[in-house]
Amino acid sequence: MQDTVFDPVSLTCGHIFCYICACKVASVTIVDGLQAANHKEKCPLCREKGVYESAVHLEELNILLSRSCPEYWKERLQTERVERLRLAKEHWESQCRAFMGV
């Protein structure tokens, strides 16, 4: 996980994570999203169950952080785009393999 949240989401327990980080710990793809998380998945901090399905994007916090440190944000945005493309490609390739029975 990164030290500054990027594309932050608040779980129903109140803890805040990057969207990609939350998807990883909830064992869902970024394509499926947090609403696809199993209700038994727990917050990695407080261990509360069922906190992902109703997670809320914190767009205002995202804007505030991007304006507070624009150089860092620009660099981080590039890194996140590459990671999201990689994860989406990985997801769709696995879907194609499953569909084709490979």
N, C-alpha and C. Protein backbone atom coordinates (compact mmCIF):
# COMPACT_ATOMS: atom_id res chain seq x y z
N MET A 1 0.83 -1.18 0.00
CA MET A 1 0.00 0.00 0.00
C MET A 1 0.88 1.25 0.00
N GLN A 2 0.35 2.30 -0.55
CA GLN A 2 1.07 3.57 -0.62
C GLN A 2 0.86 4.37 0.66
N ASP A 3 1.71 5.39 0.84
CA ASP A 3 1.59 6.23 2.04
C ASP A 3 0.58 7.35 1.88
N THR A 4 0.22 7.74 0.67
CA THR A 4 -0.80 8.75 0.41
C THR A 4 -1.92 8.10 -0.38
N VAL A 5 -3.15 8.24 0.10
CA VAL A 5 -4.26 7.58 -0.60
C VAL A 5 -4.50 8.22 -1.96
N PHE A 6 -4.77 7.38 -2.92
CA PHE A 6 -5.04 7.82 -4.28
C PHE A 6 -6.36 7.19 -4.69
N ASP A 7 -7.28 7.98 -5.18
CA ASP A 7 -8.63 7.51 -5.49
C ASP A 7 -9.21 6.87 -4.23
N PRO A 8 -9.30 7.66 -3.14
CA PRO A 8 -9.68 7.10 -1.85
C PRO A 8 -11.13 6.64 -1.76
N VAL A 9 -11.30 5.55 -1.02
CA VAL A 9 -12.63 5.04 -0.70
C VAL A 9 -12.71 4.85 0.81
N SER A 10 -13.88 5.13 1.35
CA SER A 10 -14.12 4.91 2.77
C SER A 10 -14.95 3.65 2.91
N LEU A 11 -14.45 2.71 3.68
CA LEU A 11 -15.20 1.50 3.96
C LEU A 11 -16.28 1.83 4.99
N THR A 12 -17.25 0.95 5.15
CA THR A 12 -18.34 1.25 6.08
C THR A 12 -17.87 1.28 7.53
N CYS A 13 -16.69 0.77 7.82
CA CYS A 13 -16.14 0.84 9.17
C CYS A 13 -15.47 2.19 9.42
N GLY A 14 -15.30 2.99 8.33
CA GLY A 14 -14.69 4.31 8.46
C GLY A 14 -13.24 4.39 8.04
N HIS A 15 -12.60 3.27 7.80
CA HIS A 15 -11.21 3.30 7.36
C HIS A 15 -11.13 3.67 5.88
N ILE A 16 -10.07 4.38 5.52
CA ILE A 16 -9.90 4.89 4.16
C ILE A 16 -8.71 4.22 3.50
N PHE A 17 -8.91 3.78 2.25
CA PHE A 17 -7.87 3.13 1.47
C PHE A 17 -7.92 3.62 0.03
N CYS A 18 -6.83 3.44 -0.68
CA CYS A 18 -6.84 3.63 -2.13
C CYS A 18 -7.80 2.60 -2.72
N TYR A 19 -8.44 2.95 -3.81
CA TYR A 19 -9.37 2.02 -4.44
C TYR A 19 -8.68 0.72 -4.83
N ILE A 20 -7.52 0.81 -5.47
CA ILE A 20 -6.82 -0.41 -5.89
C ILE A 20 -6.44 -1.25 -4.68
N CYS A 21 -5.95 -0.61 -3.62
CA CYS A 21 -5.57 -1.34 -2.40
C CYS A 21 -6.79 -2.03 -1.78
N ALA A 22 -7.91 -1.33 -1.74
CA ALA A 22 -9.13 -1.91 -1.17
C ALA A 22 -9.58 -3.12 -2.00
N CYS A 23 -9.49 -3.01 -3.32
CA CYS A 23 -9.85 -4.14 -4.18
C CYS A 23 -8.95 -5.34 -3.92
N LYS A 24 -7.65 -5.07 -3.75
CA LYS A 24 -6.71 -6.17 -3.49
C LYS A 24 -7.04 -6.89 -2.20
N VAL A 25 -7.25 -6.15 -1.11
CA VAL A 25 -7.52 -6.81 0.17
C VAL A 25 -8.91 -7.43 0.21
N ALA A 26 -9.83 -6.96 -0.62
CA ALA A 26 -11.18 -7.54 -0.69
C ALA A 26 -11.22 -8.72 -1.66
N SER A 27 -10.10 -9.00 -2.32
CA SER A 27 -10.00 -10.11 -3.27
C SER A 27 -10.96 -9.98 -4.45
N VAL A 28 -11.08 -8.75 -4.96
CA VAL A 28 -11.88 -8.50 -6.17
C VAL A 28 -11.03 -7.74 -7.17
N THR A 29 -11.41 -7.79 -8.42
CA THR A 29 -10.67 -7.04 -9.43
C THR A 29 -11.19 -5.61 -9.46
N ILE A 30 -10.39 -4.71 -10.02
CA ILE A 30 -10.84 -3.32 -10.15
C ILE A 30 -11.98 -3.23 -11.14
N VAL A 31 -12.08 -4.20 -12.04
CA VAL A 31 -13.17 -4.22 -13.02
C VAL A 31 -14.49 -4.59 -12.32
N ASP A 32 -14.45 -5.61 -11.47
CA ASP A 32 -15.66 -6.02 -10.75
C ASP A 32 -16.04 -5.01 -9.67
N GLY A 33 -15.07 -4.41 -9.05
CA GLY A 33 -15.32 -3.38 -8.04
C GLY A 33 -15.62 -3.93 -6.66
N LEU A 34 -15.64 -3.03 -5.70
CA LEU A 34 -15.82 -3.41 -4.30
C LEU A 34 -17.20 -3.99 -4.00
N GLN A 35 -18.20 -3.61 -4.79
CA GLN A 35 -19.54 -4.15 -4.55
C GLN A 35 -19.58 -5.66 -4.80
N ALA A 36 -18.58 -6.20 -5.48
CA ALA A 36 -18.52 -7.64 -5.74
C ALA A 36 -17.82 -8.40 -4.61
N ALA A 37 -17.36 -7.70 -3.60
CA ALA A 37 -16.63 -8.34 -2.50
C ALA A 37 -17.54 -9.27 -1.71
N ASN A 38 -16.97 -10.35 -1.27
CA ASN A 38 -17.68 -11.29 -0.41
C ASN A 38 -17.96 -10.61 0.93
N HIS A 39 -19.14 -10.80 1.48
CA HIS A 39 -19.50 -10.15 2.74
C HIS A 39 -18.66 -10.63 3.92
N LYS A 40 -17.91 -11.71 3.73
CA LYS A 40 -17.04 -12.22 4.79
C LYS A 40 -15.66 -11.56 4.80
N GLU A 41 -15.34 -10.82 3.72
CA GLU A 41 -14.04 -10.14 3.67
C GLU A 41 -13.98 -9.06 4.75
N LYS A 42 -12.82 -8.94 5.38
CA LYS A 42 -12.66 -8.04 6.52
C LYS A 42 -11.77 -6.85 6.20
N CYS A 43 -12.00 -5.76 6.92
CA CYS A 43 -11.11 -4.60 6.86
C CYS A 43 -9.76 -5.05 7.42
N PRO A 44 -8.65 -4.73 6.76
CA PRO A 44 -7.35 -5.17 7.26
C PRO A 44 -6.92 -4.46 8.55
N LEU A 45 -7.58 -3.37 8.90
CA LEU A 45 -7.20 -2.65 10.13
C LEU A 45 -8.03 -3.08 11.34
N CYS A 46 -9.35 -3.06 11.21
CA CYS A 46 -10.20 -3.36 12.38
C CYS A 46 -10.80 -4.77 12.33
N ARG A 47 -10.64 -5.46 11.20
CA ARG A 47 -11.13 -6.83 11.00
C ARG A 47 -12.66 -6.95 10.97
N GLU A 48 -13.35 -5.84 10.77
CA GLU A 48 -14.81 -5.89 10.66
C GLU A 48 -15.19 -6.51 9.32
N LYS A 49 -16.20 -7.36 9.32
CA LYS A 49 -16.66 -8.03 8.10
C LYS A 49 -17.65 -7.16 7.34
N GLY A 50 -17.75 -7.43 6.03
CA GLY A 50 -18.78 -6.82 5.20
C GLY A 50 -18.67 -5.32 5.00
N VAL A 51 -17.45 -4.81 4.94
CA VAL A 51 -17.24 -3.35 4.87
C VAL A 51 -17.01 -2.83 3.46
N TYR A 52 -16.94 -3.72 2.47
CA TYR A 52 -16.57 -3.30 1.12
C TYR A 52 -17.75 -2.97 0.22
N GLU A 53 -18.83 -3.70 0.35
CA GLU A 53 -19.95 -3.60 -0.58
C GLU A 53 -20.55 -2.19 -0.66
N SER A 54 -20.54 -1.46 0.44
CA SER A 54 -21.12 -0.11 0.46
C SER A 54 -20.06 0.97 0.61
N ALA A 55 -18.84 0.66 0.19
CA ALA A 55 -17.75 1.64 0.28
C ALA A 55 -18.10 2.87 -0.57
N VAL A 56 -17.60 4.03 -0.14
CA VAL A 56 -17.92 5.29 -0.80
C VAL A 56 -16.65 5.93 -1.33
N HIS A 57 -16.66 6.33 -2.61
CA HIS A 57 -15.54 7.09 -3.16
C HIS A 57 -15.51 8.48 -2.52
N LEU A 58 -14.34 8.93 -2.13
CA LEU A 58 -14.18 10.24 -1.49
C LEU A 58 -13.59 11.22 -2.50
N GLU A 59 -14.43 11.66 -3.42
CA GLU A 59 -13.97 12.52 -4.51
C GLU A 59 -13.43 13.85 -4.01
N GLU A 60 -14.05 14.42 -2.98
CA GLU A 60 -13.57 15.70 -2.45
C GLU A 60 -12.16 15.57 -1.88
N LEU A 61 -11.89 14.48 -1.18
CA LEU A 61 -10.55 14.24 -0.64
C LEU A 61 -9.56 14.06 -1.78
N ASN A 62 -9.96 13.38 -2.82
CA ASN A 62 -9.11 13.19 -3.99
C ASN A 62 -8.72 14.54 -4.60
N ILE A 63 -9.68 15.43 -4.74
CA ILE A 63 -9.42 16.77 -5.30
C ILE A 63 -8.50 17.55 -4.38
N LEU A 64 -8.76 17.52 -3.09
CA LEU A 64 -7.93 18.24 -2.12
C LEU A 64 -6.48 17.76 -2.17
N LEU A 65 -6.28 16.47 -2.19
CA LEU A 65 -4.92 15.92 -2.24
C LEU A 65 -4.22 16.28 -3.55
N SER A 66 -4.96 16.24 -4.65
CA SER A 66 -4.35 16.56 -5.95
C SER A 66 -3.92 18.02 -6.02
N ARG A 67 -4.66 18.89 -5.37
CA ARG A 67 -4.31 20.32 -5.37
C ARG A 67 -3.21 20.65 -4.37
N SER A 68 -3.10 19.85 -3.32
CA SER A 68 -2.10 20.11 -2.28
C SER A 68 -0.68 19.79 -2.74
N CYS A 69 -0.53 18.78 -3.56
CA CYS A 69 0.80 18.40 -4.04
C CYS A 69 0.71 17.99 -5.51
N PRO A 70 0.59 18.96 -6.40
CA PRO A 70 0.34 18.68 -7.82
C PRO A 70 1.44 17.89 -8.52
N GLU A 71 2.71 18.14 -8.20
CA GLU A 71 3.79 17.40 -8.86
C GLU A 71 3.75 15.92 -8.50
N TYR A 72 3.62 15.66 -7.22
CA TYR A 72 3.51 14.28 -6.76
C TYR A 72 2.29 13.62 -7.40
N TRP A 73 1.18 14.35 -7.43
CA TRP A 73 -0.07 13.80 -7.95
C TRP A 73 0.04 13.43 -9.42
N LYS A 74 0.70 14.28 -10.18
CA LYS A 74 0.87 14.02 -11.61
C LYS A 74 1.66 12.72 -11.82
N GLU A 75 2.73 12.57 -11.04
CA GLU A 75 3.55 11.36 -11.14
C GLU A 75 2.77 10.13 -10.69
N ARG A 76 2.05 10.27 -9.60
CA ARG A 76 1.26 9.15 -9.07
C ARG A 76 0.14 8.77 -10.03
N LEU A 77 -0.45 9.74 -10.69
CA LEU A 77 -1.51 9.48 -11.66
C LEU A 77 -0.99 8.59 -12.78
N GLN A 78 0.20 8.87 -13.27
CA GLN A 78 0.79 8.04 -14.32
C GLN A 78 1.01 6.61 -13.83
N THR A 79 1.54 6.48 -12.63
CA THR A 79 1.78 5.16 -12.05
C THR A 79 0.47 4.39 -11.89
N GLU A 80 -0.55 5.05 -11.40
CA GLU A 80 -1.85 4.42 -11.20
C GLU A 80 -2.49 4.00 -12.52
N ARG A 81 -2.35 4.82 -13.54
CA ARG A 81 -2.91 4.47 -14.85
C ARG A 81 -2.27 3.20 -15.39
N VAL A 82 -0.96 3.11 -15.27
CA VAL A 82 -0.25 1.92 -15.73
C VAL A 82 -0.73 0.69 -14.96
N GLU A 83 -0.85 0.83 -13.65
CA GLU A 83 -1.30 -0.28 -12.81
C GLU A 83 -2.74 -0.68 -13.13
N ARG A 84 -3.62 0.28 -13.34
CA ARG A 84 -5.01 -0.03 -13.68
C ARG A 84 -5.12 -0.73 -15.03
N LEU A 85 -4.33 -0.28 -15.99
CA LEU A 85 -4.32 -0.95 -17.30
C LEU A 85 -3.83 -2.38 -17.17
N ARG A 86 -2.78 -2.58 -16.40
CA ARG A 86 -2.24 -3.92 -16.19
C ARG A 86 -3.28 -4.82 -15.54
N LEU A 87 -3.93 -4.33 -14.50
CA LEU A 87 -4.94 -5.13 -13.79
C LEU A 87 -6.16 -5.41 -14.67
N ALA A 88 -6.60 -4.44 -15.44
CA ALA A 88 -7.74 -4.65 -16.34
C ALA A 88 -7.39 -5.67 -17.42
N LYS A 89 -6.20 -5.53 -17.98
CA LYS A 89 -5.76 -6.48 -19.01
C LYS A 89 -5.69 -7.89 -18.44
N GLU A 90 -5.13 -8.02 -17.25
CA GLU A 90 -5.04 -9.31 -16.58
C GLU A 90 -6.43 -9.91 -16.36
N HIS A 91 -7.37 -9.08 -15.94
CA HIS A 91 -8.74 -9.54 -15.70
C HIS A 91 -9.36 -10.06 -17.00
N TRP A 92 -9.31 -9.26 -18.05
CA TRP A 92 -9.96 -9.66 -19.29
C TRP A 92 -9.28 -10.83 -19.96
N GLU A 93 -7.97 -10.95 -19.81
CA GLU A 93 -7.29 -12.13 -20.35
C GLU A 93 -7.74 -13.39 -19.63
N SER A 94 -7.90 -13.31 -18.31
CA SER A 94 -8.37 -14.49 -17.57
C SER A 94 -9.81 -14.82 -17.94
N GLN A 95 -10.64 -13.80 -18.19
CA GLN A 95 -12.01 -14.04 -18.62
C GLN A 95 -12.05 -14.73 -19.98
N CYS A 96 -11.19 -14.28 -20.89
CA CYS A 96 -11.13 -14.90 -22.22
C CYS A 96 -10.67 -16.35 -22.13
N ARG A 97 -9.65 -16.60 -21.29
CA ARG A 97 -9.16 -17.98 -21.13
C ARG A 97 -10.27 -18.87 -20.57
N ALA A 98 -11.01 -18.36 -19.60
CA ALA A 98 -12.09 -19.14 -19.00
C ALA A 98 -13.19 -19.40 -20.03
N PHE A 99 -13.52 -18.40 -20.82
CA PHE A 99 -14.56 -18.53 -21.83
C PHE A 99 -14.17 -19.54 -22.90
N MET A 100 -12.89 -19.51 -23.28
CA MET A 100 -12.42 -20.39 -24.34
C MET A 100 -12.00 -21.76 -23.81
N GLY A 101 -12.02 -21.93 -22.49
CA GLY A 101 -11.67 -23.21 -21.91
C GLY A 101 -10.20 -23.53 -21.96
N VAL A 102 -9.38 -22.50 -21.95
CA VAL A 102 -7.92 -22.71 -22.01
C VAL A 102 -7.36 -22.85 -20.63
